[in-house]
């Protein structure tokens, strides 16, 4: 599984950001979203194998926790509908992955 690191330009960087750079950031966010969807939809044994042995995936999940901006502190350039929906989707997926990691009730049968 290819892991994608989440990054978000700082407020000052966003002031100087070109439309092309913003587009590239959105593309990176979509790749991150795709990685999360792939991880969430894995069967029990594969999910736990990836979580246990692929440290890049954990680093990728941590990168979101470290770099994500709170929704109420978004830069005006990031307040477009497309970006808000994308960031909301990523937020929900990261939450689902961490819930799946933290809950010990999952079994091979209940997946």
Protein backbone atom coordinates (compact mmCIF):
# COMPACT_ATOMS: atom_id res chain seq x y z
CA UNK A 1 0.00 0.00 0.00
CA UNK A 2 1.34 3.39 -0.97
CA UNK A 3 1.07 5.91 1.81
CA UNK A 4 0.61 9.61 1.22
CA UNK A 5 1.68 12.19 3.77
CA UNK A 6 -0.83 14.91 4.54
CA UNK A 7 0.47 18.45 4.47
CA UNK A 8 -1.23 21.77 4.55
CA UNK A 9 0.38 25.08 3.60
CA UNK A 10 0.66 27.56 6.44
CA UNK A 11 -1.51 30.67 6.53
CA UNK A 12 1.38 32.82 5.25
CA UNK A 13 2.21 30.34 2.49
CA UNK A 14 -1.42 30.38 1.36
CA UNK A 15 -1.26 34.17 0.91
CA UNK A 16 1.53 33.68 -1.63
CA UNK A 17 0.18 30.45 -3.14
CA UNK A 18 -0.48 30.35 -6.86
CA UNK A 19 -3.64 28.74 -8.25
CA UNK A 20 -1.49 25.93 -9.70
CA UNK A 21 0.07 25.17 -6.32
CA UNK A 22 -3.39 25.13 -4.73
CA UNK A 23 -4.54 22.71 -7.44
CA UNK A 24 -1.53 20.45 -6.73
CA UNK A 25 -2.37 20.51 -3.02
CA UNK A 26 -5.97 19.48 -3.81
CA UNK A 27 -4.64 16.60 -5.95
CA UNK A 28 -2.44 15.48 -3.03
CA UNK A 29 -5.47 15.63 -0.71
CA UNK A 30 -7.46 13.45 -3.12
CA UNK A 31 -4.62 10.90 -3.14
CA UNK A 32 -4.64 10.97 0.66
CA UNK A 33 -8.41 10.47 0.65
CA UNK A 34 -8.03 7.52 -1.73
CA UNK A 35 -5.42 5.94 0.52
CA UNK A 36 -7.77 6.29 3.52
CA UNK A 37 -10.70 4.78 1.58
CA UNK A 38 -8.51 1.87 0.55
CA UNK A 39 -7.40 1.34 4.15
CA UNK A 40 -10.92 1.53 5.61
CA UNK A 41 -12.28 -0.94 3.05
CA UNK A 42 -9.62 -3.58 3.70
CA UNK A 43 -10.70 -6.89 5.21
CA UNK A 44 -9.83 -7.53 8.85
CA UNK A 45 -6.59 -9.47 8.33
CA UNK A 46 -5.18 -7.12 5.71
CA UNK A 47 -6.08 -3.98 7.67
CA UNK A 48 -4.26 -5.22 10.75
CA UNK A 49 -1.30 -6.40 8.71
CA UNK A 50 -0.91 -2.95 7.15
CA UNK A 51 -1.36 -1.19 10.49
CA UNK A 52 1.10 -3.52 12.25
CA UNK A 53 3.87 -3.75 9.69
CA UNK A 54 3.68 -0.66 7.47
CA UNK A 55 5.03 2.19 9.59
CA UNK A 56 4.55 4.63 6.71
CA UNK A 57 0.78 4.29 7.05
CA UNK A 58 0.88 5.19 10.74
CA UNK A 59 3.20 8.11 9.93
CA UNK A 60 0.71 9.19 7.28
CA UNK A 61 -2.18 9.10 9.75
CA UNK A 62 -0.10 11.03 12.26
CA UNK A 63 0.75 13.61 9.61
CA UNK A 64 -2.94 14.51 9.41
CA UNK A 65 -3.23 14.87 13.18
CA UNK A 66 -0.19 17.12 13.25
CA UNK A 67 -0.80 19.26 10.14
CA UNK A 68 -4.55 19.62 9.75
CA UNK A 69 -6.04 23.03 10.40
CA UNK A 70 -9.22 23.30 12.41
CA UNK A 71 -12.26 23.99 10.24
CA UNK A 72 -12.91 27.34 11.94
CA UNK A 73 -9.36 28.56 11.15
CA UNK A 74 -9.34 27.88 7.40
CA UNK A 75 -7.72 30.37 5.08
CA UNK A 76 -10.16 32.11 2.69
CA UNK A 77 -8.53 30.30 -0.26
CA UNK A 78 -9.54 27.00 1.37
CA UNK A 79 -13.17 27.93 1.95
CA UNK A 80 -14.41 26.90 -1.48
CA UNK A 81 -17.12 24.22 -1.48
CA UNK A 82 -14.83 21.71 -3.20
CA UNK A 83 -12.08 22.09 -0.60
CA UNK A 84 -14.49 22.07 2.34
CA UNK A 85 -16.09 18.82 1.15
CA UNK A 86 -12.67 17.25 0.55
CA UNK A 87 -11.33 18.24 3.96
CA UNK A 88 -14.51 17.07 5.67
CA UNK A 89 -14.25 13.70 3.92
CA UNK A 90 -10.60 13.31 4.93
CA UNK A 91 -11.43 14.25 8.52
CA UNK A 92 -14.19 11.60 8.69
CA UNK A 93 -12.00 8.92 7.13
CA UNK A 94 -9.09 9.59 9.49
CA UNK A 95 -11.54 9.37 12.39
CA UNK A 96 -12.92 6.04 11.09
CA UNK A 97 -9.42 4.58 10.71
CA UNK A 98 -8.43 5.58 14.25
CA UNK A 99 -11.70 4.22 15.63
CA UNK A 100 -11.04 0.92 13.85
CA UNK A 101 -7.51 0.85 15.28
CA UNK A 102 -8.58 1.69 18.83
CA UNK A 103 -11.65 -0.52 19.17
CA UNK A 104 -10.81 -4.07 20.08
CA UNK A 105 -14.32 -5.39 19.30
CA UNK A 106 -13.63 -6.05 15.63
CA UNK A 107 -13.40 -9.68 14.66
CA UNK A 108 -12.90 -11.51 11.39
CA UNK A 109 -16.58 -12.39 11.36
CA UNK A 110 -18.00 -8.91 12.10
CA UNK A 111 -16.18 -7.11 9.27
